[in-house]
Amino acid sequence: GGHVETGEEDHDAVARECREEVGLFLDEPGAYRYLGSVAERCVTRRRGTLVVACRVYEQLRPRRPEHLQDKEVAACGWAPLKVLLGDAQPL
């Protein structure tokens, strides 16, 4: 899981979390392209509401995750773009 730091933009938070947790560098020139976002979902929990936000990037060059933080990442995988497009909201 991740979060947005104070003063941080959404993309900056996603790029930082991907770098820290799986070793993917979303800002590497020519490696990824931002496609849009999947509709956010709110999950009510005892400690408040959790907002689940999914940003969708297209991988332009072959890259594998450099590492996975076991305590932060339960699973890592790739989803076919067509699975996500029905819900995507391009900017």
N, C-alpha and C. Protein backbone atom coordinates (compact mmCIF):
# COMPACT_ATOMS: atom_id res chain seq x y z
N GLY A 1 0.83 -1.19 0.00
CA GLY A 1 0.00 0.00 0.00
C GLY A 1 0.86 1.23 0.00
N GLY A 2 0.29 2.33 -0.33
CA GLY A 2 1.04 3.56 -0.35
C GLY A 2 0.18 4.74 0.04
N HIS A 3 0.79 5.88 0.06
CA HIS A 3 0.08 7.10 0.42
C HIS A 3 0.75 8.29 -0.24
N VAL A 4 0.02 9.39 -0.27
CA VAL A 4 0.55 10.64 -0.82
C VAL A 4 1.11 11.45 0.34
N GLU A 5 2.37 11.85 0.23
CA GLU A 5 3.00 12.69 1.24
C GLU A 5 2.46 14.12 1.12
N THR A 6 2.53 14.87 2.19
CA THR A 6 2.09 16.26 2.18
C THR A 6 2.81 17.03 1.08
N GLY A 7 2.04 17.71 0.22
CA GLY A 7 2.62 18.50 -0.86
C GLY A 7 2.99 17.70 -2.10
N GLU A 8 2.75 16.42 -2.08
CA GLU A 8 3.12 15.54 -3.20
C GLU A 8 1.93 15.39 -4.15
N GLU A 9 2.19 15.40 -5.45
CA GLU A 9 1.15 15.15 -6.45
C GLU A 9 0.92 13.64 -6.56
N ASP A 10 -0.25 13.25 -7.08
CA ASP A 10 -0.57 11.83 -7.20
C ASP A 10 0.49 11.06 -7.98
N HIS A 11 0.88 11.58 -9.15
CA HIS A 11 1.89 10.86 -9.95
C HIS A 11 3.20 10.70 -9.20
N ASP A 12 3.61 11.75 -8.50
CA ASP A 12 4.86 11.68 -7.75
C ASP A 12 4.79 10.59 -6.68
N ALA A 13 3.62 10.47 -6.03
CA ALA A 13 3.44 9.43 -5.01
C ALA A 13 3.48 8.04 -5.64
N VAL A 14 2.80 7.86 -6.76
CA VAL A 14 2.81 6.56 -7.45
C VAL A 14 4.23 6.20 -7.88
N ALA A 15 4.93 7.15 -8.47
CA ALA A 15 6.31 6.89 -8.93
C ALA A 15 7.21 6.52 -7.75
N ARG A 16 7.07 7.24 -6.64
CA ARG A 16 7.89 6.96 -5.46
C ARG A 16 7.57 5.58 -4.89
N GLU A 17 6.28 5.28 -4.73
CA GLU A 17 5.89 3.98 -4.18
C GLU A 17 6.35 2.83 -5.08
N CYS A 18 6.22 2.97 -6.39
CA CYS A 18 6.69 1.92 -7.31
C CYS A 18 8.20 1.73 -7.20
N ARG A 19 8.91 2.82 -7.10
CA ARG A 19 10.38 2.75 -6.97
C ARG A 19 10.75 2.06 -5.66
N GLU A 20 10.11 2.46 -4.55
CA GLU A 20 10.45 1.91 -3.23
C GLU A 20 10.03 0.45 -3.07
N GLU A 21 8.82 0.12 -3.54
CA GLU A 21 8.25 -1.18 -3.23
C GLU A 21 8.55 -2.27 -4.25
N VAL A 22 8.73 -1.91 -5.52
CA VAL A 22 8.99 -2.94 -6.53
C VAL A 22 10.19 -2.63 -7.44
N GLY A 23 10.80 -1.48 -7.26
CA GLY A 23 11.99 -1.17 -8.04
C GLY A 23 11.71 -0.83 -9.50
N LEU A 24 10.51 -0.33 -9.80
CA LEU A 24 10.19 0.15 -11.15
C LEU A 24 10.26 1.67 -11.15
N PHE A 25 10.88 2.23 -12.17
CA PHE A 25 11.10 3.67 -12.26
C PHE A 25 10.17 4.26 -13.32
N LEU A 26 8.98 4.68 -12.90
CA LEU A 26 7.98 5.17 -13.84
C LEU A 26 8.42 6.42 -14.59
N ASP A 27 9.34 7.18 -14.03
CA ASP A 27 9.81 8.41 -14.69
C ASP A 27 11.00 8.18 -15.60
N GLU A 28 11.42 6.93 -15.77
CA GLU A 28 12.53 6.65 -16.69
C GLU A 28 12.08 7.01 -18.10
N PRO A 29 12.80 7.91 -18.77
CA PRO A 29 12.38 8.36 -20.11
C PRO A 29 12.18 7.17 -21.07
N GLY A 30 11.00 7.16 -21.71
CA GLY A 30 10.71 6.15 -22.72
C GLY A 30 10.35 4.77 -22.20
N ALA A 31 10.27 4.58 -20.87
CA ALA A 31 10.01 3.25 -20.32
C ALA A 31 8.52 3.01 -20.03
N TYR A 32 7.78 4.04 -19.64
CA TYR A 32 6.37 3.91 -19.28
C TYR A 32 5.59 5.09 -19.79
N ARG A 33 4.31 4.86 -20.04
CA ARG A 33 3.42 5.94 -20.48
C ARG A 33 2.15 5.89 -19.63
N TYR A 34 1.79 7.01 -19.04
CA TYR A 34 0.59 7.10 -18.23
C TYR A 34 -0.63 7.06 -19.14
N LEU A 35 -1.58 6.16 -18.85
CA LEU A 35 -2.77 6.02 -19.67
C LEU A 35 -4.01 6.62 -19.03
N GLY A 36 -4.10 6.61 -17.74
CA GLY A 36 -5.28 7.14 -17.06
C GLY A 36 -5.45 6.49 -15.70
N SER A 37 -6.64 6.61 -15.16
CA SER A 37 -6.89 6.03 -13.85
C SER A 37 -8.19 5.24 -13.85
N VAL A 38 -8.21 4.20 -13.06
CA VAL A 38 -9.41 3.41 -12.85
C VAL A 38 -10.21 4.12 -11.76
N ALA A 39 -11.53 4.09 -11.86
CA ALA A 39 -12.38 4.79 -10.89
C ALA A 39 -11.98 4.42 -9.46
N GLU A 40 -11.83 5.45 -8.63
CA GLU A 40 -11.45 5.23 -7.23
C GLU A 40 -12.58 4.52 -6.48
N ARG A 41 -12.20 3.71 -5.52
CA ARG A 41 -13.17 3.00 -4.70
C ARG A 41 -12.92 3.33 -3.23
N CYS A 42 -13.98 3.55 -2.50
CA CYS A 42 -13.88 3.84 -1.07
C CYS A 42 -14.25 2.59 -0.28
N VAL A 43 -13.43 2.25 0.67
CA VAL A 43 -13.65 1.08 1.52
C VAL A 43 -13.76 1.58 2.96
N THR A 44 -14.90 1.31 3.59
CA THR A 44 -15.11 1.73 4.97
C THR A 44 -14.43 0.74 5.90
N ARG A 45 -13.63 1.27 6.82
CA ARG A 45 -12.92 0.44 7.79
C ARG A 45 -13.19 0.98 9.18
N ARG A 46 -12.84 0.22 10.19
CA ARG A 46 -13.02 0.69 11.58
C ARG A 46 -12.29 1.99 11.83
N ARG A 47 -11.12 2.15 11.22
CA ARG A 47 -10.29 3.33 11.47
C ARG A 47 -10.54 4.45 10.46
N GLY A 48 -11.64 4.37 9.71
CA GLY A 48 -11.93 5.41 8.73
C GLY A 48 -12.09 4.83 7.34
N THR A 49 -12.13 5.70 6.38
CA THR A 49 -12.34 5.29 4.99
C THR A 49 -11.01 5.20 4.26
N LEU A 50 -10.84 4.12 3.54
CA LEU A 50 -9.65 3.92 2.71
C LEU A 50 -10.06 4.17 1.26
N VAL A 51 -9.33 5.04 0.58
CA VAL A 51 -9.58 5.30 -0.83
C VAL A 51 -8.57 4.50 -1.65
N VAL A 52 -9.08 3.61 -2.51
CA VAL A 52 -8.22 2.79 -3.35
C VAL A 52 -8.18 3.45 -4.73
N ALA A 53 -7.00 3.87 -5.14
CA ALA A 53 -6.81 4.55 -6.42
C ALA A 53 -5.82 3.76 -7.26
N CYS A 54 -6.18 3.51 -8.50
CA CYS A 54 -5.32 2.74 -9.40
C CYS A 54 -4.96 3.59 -10.60
N ARG A 55 -3.69 3.83 -10.78
CA ARG A 55 -3.19 4.56 -11.94
C ARG A 55 -2.66 3.53 -12.93
N VAL A 56 -2.93 3.74 -14.21
CA VAL A 56 -2.58 2.75 -15.23
C VAL A 56 -1.47 3.30 -16.12
N TYR A 57 -0.40 2.51 -16.23
CA TYR A 57 0.74 2.87 -17.06
C TYR A 57 0.99 1.76 -18.08
N GLU A 58 1.38 2.14 -19.27
CA GLU A 58 1.78 1.16 -20.28
C GLU A 58 3.29 1.02 -20.22
N GLN A 59 3.75 -0.22 -20.15
CA GLN A 59 5.18 -0.49 -20.13
C GLN A 59 5.66 -0.52 -21.58
N LEU A 60 6.59 0.36 -21.93
CA LEU A 60 7.05 0.50 -23.31
C LEU A 60 8.30 -0.31 -23.62
N ARG A 61 9.05 -0.65 -22.58
CA ARG A 61 10.26 -1.45 -22.75
C ARG A 61 10.25 -2.58 -21.73
N PRO A 62 10.81 -3.73 -22.09
CA PRO A 62 10.83 -4.84 -21.12
C PRO A 62 11.57 -4.46 -19.85
N ARG A 63 10.92 -4.63 -18.73
CA ARG A 63 11.51 -4.38 -17.41
C ARG A 63 10.87 -5.37 -16.45
N ARG A 64 11.65 -5.85 -15.52
CA ARG A 64 11.13 -6.70 -14.45
C ARG A 64 11.31 -5.95 -13.15
N PRO A 65 10.43 -6.17 -12.19
CA PRO A 65 10.64 -5.54 -10.89
C PRO A 65 12.02 -5.91 -10.33
N GLU A 66 12.73 -4.93 -9.81
CA GLU A 66 14.07 -5.17 -9.27
C GLU A 66 14.00 -5.86 -7.91
N HIS A 67 12.95 -5.60 -7.17
CA HIS A 67 12.77 -6.18 -5.84
C HIS A 67 11.32 -6.03 -5.42
N LEU A 68 10.89 -6.80 -4.48
CA LEU A 68 9.56 -6.64 -3.89
C LEU A 68 9.74 -6.51 -2.38
N GLN A 69 9.14 -5.50 -1.80
CA GLN A 69 9.16 -5.36 -0.35
C GLN A 69 8.09 -6.29 0.21
N ASP A 70 8.52 -7.37 0.81
CA ASP A 70 7.59 -8.40 1.30
C ASP A 70 6.52 -7.86 2.24
N LYS A 71 6.87 -6.86 3.04
CA LYS A 71 5.91 -6.33 4.01
C LYS A 71 4.93 -5.35 3.38
N GLU A 72 5.20 -4.92 2.17
CA GLU A 72 4.34 -3.94 1.50
C GLU A 72 3.59 -4.51 0.30
N VAL A 73 4.15 -5.52 -0.35
CA VAL A 73 3.59 -6.05 -1.59
C VAL A 73 3.16 -7.50 -1.38
N ALA A 74 1.84 -7.73 -1.46
CA ALA A 74 1.32 -9.09 -1.31
C ALA A 74 1.47 -9.87 -2.61
N ALA A 75 1.36 -9.17 -3.74
CA ALA A 75 1.48 -9.81 -5.05
C ALA A 75 1.84 -8.76 -6.07
N CYS A 76 2.44 -9.20 -7.14
CA CYS A 76 2.82 -8.31 -8.22
C CYS A 76 2.55 -9.05 -9.53
N GLY A 77 1.88 -8.39 -10.45
CA GLY A 77 1.59 -9.04 -11.72
C GLY A 77 1.18 -8.02 -12.76
N TRP A 78 0.99 -8.49 -13.96
CA TRP A 78 0.62 -7.63 -15.08
C TRP A 78 -0.82 -7.94 -15.48
N ALA A 79 -1.56 -6.91 -15.82
CA ALA A 79 -2.94 -7.08 -16.28
C ALA A 79 -3.02 -6.67 -17.74
N PRO A 80 -3.71 -7.45 -18.56
CA PRO A 80 -3.90 -7.03 -19.95
C PRO A 80 -4.63 -5.69 -20.00
N LEU A 81 -4.19 -4.83 -20.88
CA LEU A 81 -4.77 -3.49 -20.99
C LEU A 81 -6.27 -3.54 -21.22
N LYS A 82 -6.76 -4.49 -22.01
CA LYS A 82 -8.19 -4.54 -22.32
C LYS A 82 -9.03 -4.81 -21.06
N VAL A 83 -8.45 -5.44 -20.05
CA VAL A 83 -9.17 -5.69 -18.80
C VAL A 83 -9.44 -4.37 -18.08
N LEU A 84 -8.54 -3.42 -18.19
CA LEU A 84 -8.65 -2.17 -17.46
C LEU A 84 -9.38 -1.06 -18.23
N LEU A 85 -9.41 -1.15 -19.55
CA LEU A 85 -9.91 -0.03 -20.34
C LEU A 85 -11.38 0.29 -20.12
N GLY A 86 -12.20 -0.66 -19.79
CA GLY A 86 -13.60 -0.39 -19.58
C GLY A 86 -13.86 0.56 -18.44
N ASP A 87 -12.94 0.67 -17.51
CA ASP A 87 -13.10 1.50 -16.32
C ASP A 87 -12.17 2.70 -16.31
N ALA A 88 -11.29 2.80 -17.32
CA ALA A 88 -10.25 3.84 -17.32
C ALA A 88 -10.84 5.20 -17.64
N GLN A 89 -10.25 6.24 -17.04
CA GLN A 89 -10.65 7.62 -17.29
C GLN A 89 -9.41 8.39 -17.73
N PRO A 90 -9.13 8.45 -19.04
CA PRO A 90 -7.93 9.17 -19.48
C PRO A 90 -7.99 10.65 -19.13
N LEU A 91 -6.84 11.23 -18.89
CA LEU A 91 -6.79 12.67 -18.58
C LEU A 91 -6.82 13.49 -19.85
